[in-house]
Amino acid sequence: MVWTIGLMSGTSLDGVDAVLAQTDASGRLRTHRHLHRPLPAPLRETLLALNRPGPDELHAAALAGNGLSRLYAEAVAALLSAAGLAADQVRVVGAHGQTVRHRPQEFDGCGYTLQLLNGALLAELCGIAVVCDFRSRDLAAGGEGAPLVPAFHAATFGQPGRDLAVLNLGGIANLTLLPAGGAVSGFDCGPANLLMDAWCQRHLQQAFDADGEWARGGRVDDALLQRLLSDPYFERQPPKSTGRDLFNAAWLEARVAAGGSPARDVMATLAELTACSAADALLRHAPSTGQVLVCGGGAFNAHLMARLAARLGAGVQVVSSAAAGVPPDQVEALAFAWLALAHVQHKPGNLPAVTGARGPRVLGALYPAA
């Protein structure tokens, strides 16, 4: 049995999720411990600013990568201490880093994706081998570089003879389709928490809309919803991926300004946008799906879960991924622990049917332990 650690900081910029995991007798990776570390406000603001052009970006990005690496290292140390493990007992750390730009296939036919992290510094601080920069190899092979979690979803949640899906509601919503008898597929279906959190921060000075209470009290503005859904991204065929490069405050402001809706109604409409775009994508690409496992922060938003269930209809069961044995806030960190193990075992981590890459590739760059 092998110990590994997964570290994830997602598009929502709410913090770092870290898991200490171990393979069982069957080779399946299971969480032993989990912790969450919020991003310090100055680091969060810098990372958010780096999602758009600004002064002295190279300097700011390098220092932000160092800062995030130190936060990751603190999370690793806390996991090891809580479990009573030494660093040399852990085979590898899989670290996602913080995405600040994602522009696959643009500009020169390859494009780029940038996840800030100093892998060398993290390996030095932890004393454990680190695998990071998972997305770049898939891009180099002609893919989108995202989503990368469907292979893990298939290994962890797939059920022979049953059509199901996994929906991650992080900053962006991404969907993995696990048909009973077909090939795994998946794609980013649109925005999730990043727009809702930004709107909540602006109008309530709160980091997020707890349990969707503010959205629940608003009225969906159908005209605004249609303006939001008119973006060509929603009609694009997979493979496709997205992020803050498209769905950001400026994108939202341009569409809200045309209608003058009350702030609470905008919040209700943003929740409906996430539910509608995810449900439409599922019904369009996998209409026989009987169950959706929801993970990410959106799984804790009761209003959003209810709207998703309403959009999908009575024939589709919408449940937290906890029902399948992995709590929603642990799934992505566990996925990058799994991808790191795949790297050191020289196994491909991408699915070409998902990303559009020319073929399977071993993902990530390895920084050995000191």
Protein backbone atom coordinates (compact mmCIF):
# COMPACT_ATOMS: atom_id res chain seq x y z
CA MET A 1 0.00 0.00 0.00
CA VAL A 2 1.27 3.45 -0.98
CA TRP A 3 0.81 6.81 0.75
CA THR A 4 0.34 9.91 -1.39
CA ILE A 5 -0.81 13.51 -0.92
CA GLY A 6 -2.99 15.62 -3.19
CA LEU A 7 -3.14 19.42 -3.12
CA MET A 8 -5.77 21.49 -4.92
CA SER A 9 -6.52 25.20 -5.10
CA GLY A 10 -9.27 25.81 -7.61
CA THR A 11 -10.74 28.58 -9.71
CA SER A 12 -12.97 29.73 -6.86
CA LEU A 13 -9.83 30.88 -4.97
CA ASP A 14 -11.34 29.93 -1.62
CA GLY A 15 -8.30 28.04 -0.35
CA VAL A 16 -6.26 24.86 -0.47
CA ASP A 17 -7.72 21.40 -0.02
CA ALA A 18 -5.20 18.74 0.96
CA VAL A 19 -5.68 15.00 1.33
CA LEU A 20 -3.45 12.26 2.63
CA ALA A 21 -4.46 9.09 0.83
CA GLN A 22 -3.43 5.46 0.65
CA THR A 23 -3.98 2.73 -1.89
CA ASP A 24 -5.99 -0.23 -0.62
CA ALA A 25 -5.50 -3.91 -1.46
CA SER A 26 -7.31 -3.44 -4.78
CA GLY A 27 -5.14 -0.45 -5.73
CA ARG A 28 -7.93 2.08 -5.20
CA LEU A 29 -6.91 5.36 -3.59
CA ARG A 30 -8.78 6.26 -0.41
CA THR A 31 -8.59 9.38 1.75
CA HIS A 32 -7.03 8.96 5.17
CA ARG A 33 -7.08 12.63 6.24
CA HIS A 34 -8.28 15.92 4.78
CA LEU A 35 -7.75 19.55 5.68
CA HIS A 36 -8.58 22.95 4.24
CA ARG A 37 -6.41 26.05 4.44
CA PRO A 38 -7.91 29.41 3.37
CA LEU A 39 -5.80 31.58 1.12
CA PRO A 40 -4.37 34.60 2.99
CA ALA A 41 -6.13 37.71 1.71
CA PRO A 42 -3.03 39.34 0.13
CA LEU A 43 -2.15 36.14 -1.75
CA ARG A 44 -5.73 35.71 -2.91
CA GLU A 45 -5.87 39.28 -4.20
CA THR A 46 -2.60 38.84 -6.08
CA LEU A 47 -3.75 35.59 -7.67
CA LEU A 48 -7.04 37.17 -8.64
CA ALA A 49 -5.27 40.16 -10.18
CA LEU A 50 -3.01 37.84 -12.19
CA ASN A 51 -6.04 36.54 -14.06
CA ARG A 52 -5.93 39.74 -16.13
CA PRO A 53 -3.14 41.89 -17.59
CA GLY A 54 -1.35 44.19 -15.16
CA PRO A 55 2.00 45.77 -14.25
CA ASP A 56 5.10 43.67 -13.48
CA GLU A 57 3.23 40.40 -13.90
CA LEU A 58 6.33 38.18 -14.02
CA HIS A 59 7.54 39.44 -10.64
CA ALA A 60 4.10 39.14 -9.03
CA ALA A 61 3.53 35.67 -10.49
CA ALA A 62 6.88 34.33 -9.31
CA LEU A 63 6.35 35.53 -5.74
CA ALA A 64 2.74 34.31 -5.72
CA GLY A 65 3.95 30.88 -6.83
CA ASN A 66 6.41 30.87 -3.92
CA GLY A 67 3.70 31.95 -1.49
CA LEU A 68 1.31 29.27 -2.64
CA SER A 69 4.08 26.66 -2.39
CA ARG A 70 4.69 27.61 1.23
CA LEU A 71 0.97 27.33 1.99
CA TYR A 72 0.92 23.91 0.30
CA ALA A 73 3.94 22.86 2.38
CA GLU A 74 2.19 23.92 5.60
CA ALA A 75 -0.78 21.76 4.62
CA VAL A 76 1.51 18.79 3.94
CA ALA A 77 3.23 19.20 7.31
CA ALA A 78 -0.12 19.36 9.10
CA LEU A 79 -1.33 16.17 7.39
CA LEU A 80 1.85 14.29 8.26
CA SER A 81 1.75 15.46 11.87
CA ALA A 82 -1.90 14.48 12.30
CA ALA A 83 -1.26 11.02 10.83
CA GLY A 84 2.04 10.44 12.63
CA LEU A 85 3.88 9.87 9.37
CA ALA A 86 7.37 10.90 8.29
CA ALA A 87 7.94 12.56 4.93
CA ASP A 88 9.90 9.57 3.61
CA GLN A 89 6.85 7.34 4.07
CA VAL A 90 4.95 9.27 1.37
CA ARG A 91 5.66 8.28 -2.22
CA VAL A 92 4.66 11.52 -3.95
CA VAL A 93 2.76 14.78 -3.66
CA GLY A 94 0.45 15.81 -6.51
CA ALA A 95 0.05 19.60 -6.55
CA HIS A 96 -2.29 21.35 -8.96
CA GLY A 97 -1.11 24.94 -8.47
CA GLN A 98 -3.31 27.98 -9.09
CA THR A 99 -4.64 28.55 -12.59
CA VAL A 100 -4.30 32.21 -13.55
CA ARG A 101 -4.53 31.86 -17.35
CA HIS A 102 -6.00 29.12 -19.51
CA ARG A 103 -5.88 29.72 -23.27
CA PRO A 104 -5.63 26.32 -24.98
CA GLN A 105 -5.05 26.19 -28.76
CA GLU A 106 -5.11 29.98 -29.09
CA PHE A 107 -2.61 32.39 -30.63
CA ASP A 108 -0.14 29.88 -32.11
CA GLY A 109 -2.19 26.69 -32.36
CA CYS A 110 -0.95 25.36 -29.02
CA GLY A 111 -1.79 28.16 -26.62
CA TYR A 112 -0.87 27.89 -22.98
CA THR A 113 -2.18 27.13 -19.53
CA LEU A 114 -0.53 28.56 -16.42
CA GLN A 115 -0.84 27.06 -12.94
CA LEU A 116 1.32 29.06 -10.54
CA LEU A 117 3.50 26.96 -8.24
CA ASN A 118 7.18 26.52 -7.47
CA GLY A 119 7.50 22.75 -7.60
CA ALA A 120 11.18 22.81 -6.68
CA LEU A 121 10.50 24.89 -3.57
CA LEU A 122 7.62 22.65 -2.53
CA ALA A 123 9.81 19.54 -2.85
CA GLU A 124 12.52 21.22 -0.75
CA LEU A 125 10.08 22.28 1.94
CA CYS A 126 8.26 18.93 2.12
CA GLY A 127 11.10 16.49 1.61
CA ILE A 128 8.78 14.53 -0.71
CA ALA A 129 8.82 14.16 -4.49
CA VAL A 130 6.37 16.57 -6.13
CA VAL A 131 4.50 16.23 -9.40
CA CYS A 132 2.90 19.41 -10.76
CA ASP A 133 2.19 21.21 -14.06
CA PHE A 134 -0.23 18.46 -15.09
CA ARG A 135 -2.01 20.32 -17.87
CA SER A 136 0.84 21.43 -20.13
CA ARG A 137 1.62 18.03 -21.69
CA ASP A 138 -1.97 17.54 -22.79
CA LEU A 139 -1.89 21.00 -24.44
CA ALA A 140 1.36 20.14 -26.18
CA ALA A 141 -0.38 17.05 -27.59
CA GLY A 142 -3.14 19.22 -29.06
CA GLY A 143 -5.60 18.96 -26.17
CA GLU A 144 -7.50 21.41 -24.01
CA GLY A 145 -5.51 20.50 -20.89
CA ALA A 146 -8.80 20.22 -19.01
CA PRO A 147 -10.71 18.72 -17.47
CA LEU A 148 -8.20 16.17 -16.18
CA VAL A 149 -10.34 14.57 -13.47
CA PRO A 150 -12.57 12.32 -15.66
CA ALA A 151 -10.04 9.44 -15.67
CA PHE A 152 -10.02 9.58 -11.86
CA HIS A 153 -13.81 9.85 -11.75
CA ALA A 154 -14.08 6.73 -13.91
CA ALA A 155 -11.68 4.77 -11.68
CA THR A 156 -13.36 5.91 -8.47
CA PHE A 157 -17.07 6.27 -9.24
CA GLY A 158 -17.73 4.17 -12.34
CA GLN A 159 -20.34 1.44 -11.89
CA PRO A 160 -20.66 -1.40 -14.41
CA GLY A 161 -24.07 -1.50 -16.00
CA ARG A 162 -25.13 1.98 -14.85
CA ASP A 163 -25.19 5.35 -16.62
CA LEU A 164 -24.05 8.07 -14.24
CA ALA A 165 -22.28 11.41 -14.25
CA VAL A 166 -20.02 13.39 -11.95
CA LEU A 167 -20.53 17.16 -11.80
CA ASN A 168 -17.86 19.25 -10.13
CA LEU A 169 -19.22 22.63 -9.05
CA GLY A 170 -16.07 24.57 -8.24
CA GLY A 171 -15.29 27.96 -9.69
CA ILE A 172 -16.12 26.39 -13.04
CA ALA A 173 -18.57 23.53 -13.54
CA ASN A 174 -17.15 20.45 -15.22
CA LEU A 175 -19.02 17.32 -16.15
CA THR A 176 -17.80 13.73 -16.46
CA LEU A 177 -20.06 11.27 -18.26
CA LEU A 178 -19.70 7.61 -17.25
CA PRO A 179 -21.98 5.58 -19.51
CA ALA A 180 -22.62 1.93 -18.70
CA GLY A 181 -21.22 0.62 -21.93
CA GLY A 182 -19.40 3.46 -23.61
CA ALA A 183 -16.32 5.61 -23.50
CA VAL A 184 -15.82 8.13 -20.72
CA SER A 185 -16.27 11.75 -21.79
CA GLY A 186 -16.29 15.12 -20.09
CA PHE A 187 -15.91 18.87 -20.48
CA ASP A 188 -16.29 22.22 -18.73
CA CYS A 189 -19.94 23.18 -19.06
CA GLY A 190 -19.81 26.76 -17.76
CA PRO A 191 -19.37 28.96 -14.70
CA ALA A 192 -20.29 27.86 -11.19
CA ASN A 193 -19.12 29.49 -7.96
CA LEU A 194 -16.72 32.05 -9.37
CA LEU A 195 -19.45 34.41 -10.62
CA MET A 196 -21.76 33.81 -7.66
CA ASP A 197 -18.96 34.37 -5.15
CA ALA A 198 -17.83 37.57 -6.86
CA TRP A 199 -21.38 38.95 -6.87
CA CYS A 200 -21.87 38.02 -3.21
CA GLN A 201 -18.58 39.65 -2.24
CA ARG A 202 -19.50 42.82 -4.10
CA HIS A 203 -22.98 43.25 -2.65
CA LEU A 204 -22.89 41.51 0.76
CA GLN A 205 -19.15 41.68 1.52
CA GLN A 206 -19.31 37.93 2.13
CA ALA A 207 -17.07 35.34 0.53
CA PHE A 208 -20.01 33.23 -0.66
CA ASP A 209 -23.77 32.82 -0.43
CA ALA A 210 -24.07 30.30 2.42
CA ASP A 211 -26.45 27.50 1.43
CA GLY A 212 -27.75 29.70 -1.39
CA GLU A 213 -30.01 31.66 0.97
CA TRP A 214 -29.58 35.00 -0.78
CA ALA A 215 -30.20 33.48 -4.20
CA ARG A 216 -33.22 31.57 -2.90
CA GLY A 217 -34.92 34.83 -1.93
CA GLY A 218 -34.43 36.40 -5.35
CA ARG A 219 -36.36 36.10 -8.61
CA VAL A 220 -34.78 34.65 -11.72
CA ASP A 221 -34.61 37.33 -14.41
CA ASP A 222 -35.42 35.34 -17.54
CA ALA A 223 -34.19 38.06 -19.89
CA LEU A 224 -30.85 38.23 -18.09
CA LEU A 225 -30.60 34.44 -18.04
CA GLN A 226 -31.02 34.36 -21.81
CA ARG A 227 -28.34 37.04 -22.25
CA LEU A 228 -25.97 34.97 -20.14
CA LEU A 229 -26.78 31.76 -22.00
CA SER A 230 -26.32 33.45 -25.37
CA ASP A 231 -22.55 33.25 -25.01
CA PRO A 232 -21.26 30.98 -27.80
CA TYR A 233 -19.35 28.86 -25.30
CA PHE A 234 -22.51 27.06 -24.21
CA GLU A 235 -23.19 25.86 -27.76
CA ARG A 236 -19.63 24.75 -28.50
CA GLN A 237 -19.20 21.03 -28.91
CA PRO A 238 -16.68 19.20 -26.69
CA PRO A 239 -13.76 18.95 -26.23
CA LYS A 240 -13.90 22.32 -24.51
CA SER A 241 -12.62 23.99 -21.36
CA THR A 242 -12.90 27.44 -19.85
CA GLY A 243 -12.10 29.61 -16.84
CA ARG A 244 -11.79 33.20 -15.65
CA ASP A 245 -10.32 34.18 -19.03
CA LEU A 246 -13.92 34.12 -20.31
CA PHE A 247 -16.29 34.02 -17.35
CA ASN A 248 -15.22 36.97 -15.22
CA ALA A 249 -16.60 40.17 -13.67
CA ALA A 250 -16.36 42.11 -16.92
CA TRP A 251 -18.26 39.38 -18.78
CA LEU A 252 -21.02 39.51 -16.17
CA GLU A 253 -21.18 43.31 -15.90
CA ALA A 254 -21.66 43.71 -19.65
CA ARG A 255 -24.77 41.54 -19.50
CA VAL A 256 -26.20 42.78 -16.21
CA ALA A 257 -25.91 46.42 -17.29
CA ALA A 258 -28.36 45.84 -20.13
CA GLY A 259 -31.22 45.09 -17.76
CA GLY A 260 -30.75 46.83 -14.42
CA SER A 261 -31.96 43.88 -12.31
CA PRO A 262 -31.89 44.12 -8.49
CA ALA A 263 -28.73 42.56 -7.02
CA ARG A 264 -30.60 39.70 -5.34
CA ASP A 265 -32.35 38.80 -8.59
CA VAL A 266 -28.99 38.73 -10.34
CA MET A 267 -27.77 36.27 -7.71
CA ALA A 268 -30.80 34.06 -8.25
CA THR A 269 -30.17 34.22 -11.99
CA LEU A 270 -26.50 33.27 -11.60
CA ALA A 271 -27.48 30.18 -9.62
CA GLU A 272 -30.00 29.35 -12.34
CA LEU A 273 -27.31 29.83 -14.99
CA THR A 274 -25.13 27.18 -13.34
CA ALA A 275 -28.02 24.75 -12.88
CA CYS A 276 -29.39 25.34 -16.37
CA SER A 277 -26.09 25.09 -18.26
CA ALA A 278 -25.04 21.93 -16.41
CA ALA A 279 -28.44 20.27 -16.80
CA ASP A 280 -28.69 21.19 -20.48
CA ALA A 281 -25.22 19.77 -21.12
CA LEU A 282 -26.07 16.50 -19.40
CA LEU A 283 -29.43 16.06 -21.13
CA ARG A 284 -27.88 16.88 -24.49
CA HIS A 285 -24.88 14.58 -24.27
CA ALA A 286 -26.01 11.77 -21.93
CA PRO A 287 -29.82 11.71 -21.70
CA SER A 288 -29.92 8.18 -20.24
CA THR A 289 -27.98 9.22 -17.11
CA GLY A 290 -29.82 8.11 -13.97
CA GLN A 291 -27.65 9.64 -11.26
CA VAL A 292 -25.44 12.71 -10.91
CA LEU A 293 -22.78 12.77 -8.20
CA VAL A 294 -22.04 16.39 -7.29
CA CYS A 295 -18.73 17.48 -5.80
CA GLY A 296 -16.95 20.77 -5.18
CA GLY A 297 -18.19 23.67 -3.07
CA GLY A 298 -21.47 23.87 -4.98
CA ALA A 299 -22.51 20.51 -3.48
CA PHE A 300 -22.95 22.32 -0.15
CA ASN A 301 -25.30 24.92 -1.72
CA ALA A 302 -28.78 23.51 -1.03
CA HIS A 303 -30.51 26.00 -3.31
CA LEU A 304 -28.20 25.22 -6.23
CA MET A 305 -28.63 21.47 -5.71
CA ALA A 306 -32.41 21.91 -5.69
CA ARG A 307 -32.37 23.97 -8.88
CA LEU A 308 -30.14 21.40 -10.58
CA ALA A 309 -32.52 18.60 -9.60
CA ALA A 310 -35.50 20.62 -10.85
CA ARG A 311 -33.81 21.27 -14.20
CA LEU A 312 -32.91 17.60 -14.65
CA GLY A 313 -36.31 16.27 -13.66
CA ALA A 314 -37.53 13.37 -11.55
CA GLY A 315 -35.79 10.75 -13.67
CA VAL A 316 -32.31 11.85 -12.56
CA GLN A 317 -31.12 11.47 -8.98
CA VAL A 318 -28.90 14.35 -7.82
CA VAL A 319 -26.74 13.46 -4.80
CA SER A 320 -23.51 14.52 -3.15
CA SER A 321 -20.40 12.53 -4.03
CA ALA A 322 -20.35 11.61 -0.34
CA ALA A 323 -23.01 9.04 -1.22
CA ALA A 324 -20.34 7.28 -3.28
CA GLY A 325 -17.74 7.43 -0.53
CA VAL A 326 -15.82 10.66 -1.24
CA PRO A 327 -16.92 13.95 0.39
CA PRO A 328 -17.41 16.80 -2.13
CA ASP A 329 -14.54 18.93 -0.82
CA GLN A 330 -12.03 16.07 -1.17
CA VAL A 331 -12.65 14.85 -4.71
CA GLU A 332 -10.34 17.15 -6.66
CA ALA A 333 -7.43 16.95 -4.22
CA LEU A 334 -7.75 13.16 -4.27
CA ALA A 335 -7.78 13.30 -8.08
CA PHE A 336 -4.39 15.04 -8.17
CA ALA A 337 -2.96 12.54 -5.70
CA TRP A 338 -4.17 9.88 -8.16
CA LEU A 339 -2.63 11.71 -11.12
CA ALA A 340 0.69 12.03 -9.29
CA LEU A 341 0.73 8.27 -8.67
CA ALA A 342 -0.04 7.72 -12.34
CA HIS A 343 2.99 9.86 -13.22
CA VAL A 344 5.47 7.94 -11.05
CA GLN A 345 4.01 4.66 -12.37
CA HIS A 346 4.50 5.95 -15.96
CA LYS A 347 0.77 5.69 -16.69
CA PRO A 348 -1.21 8.18 -18.81
CA GLY A 349 -3.43 10.58 -16.87
CA ASN A 350 -5.42 12.19 -19.65
CA LEU A 351 -8.30 10.86 -21.72
CA PRO A 352 -7.98 11.98 -25.35
CA ALA A 353 -11.75 11.62 -25.82
CA VAL A 354 -12.17 14.27 -23.12
CA THR A 355 -9.41 16.77 -23.90
CA GLY A 356 -8.96 16.23 -27.63
CA ALA A 357 -5.26 15.37 -27.28
CA ARG A 358 -3.64 13.25 -29.99
CA GLY A 359 -3.21 10.38 -27.58
CA PRO A 360 -2.68 9.28 -23.96
CA ARG A 361 0.15 11.08 -22.17
CA VAL A 362 1.94 10.79 -18.84
CA LEU A 363 1.11 14.12 -17.24
CA GLY A 364 3.12 16.44 -15.03
CA ALA A 365 6.68 17.40 -14.19
CA LEU A 366 8.54 15.62 -11.39
CA TYR A 367 10.67 17.36 -8.74
CA PRO A 368 12.44 14.63 -6.73
CA ALA A 369 12.76 14.78 -2.97
CA ALA A 370 16.02 16.19 -1.67
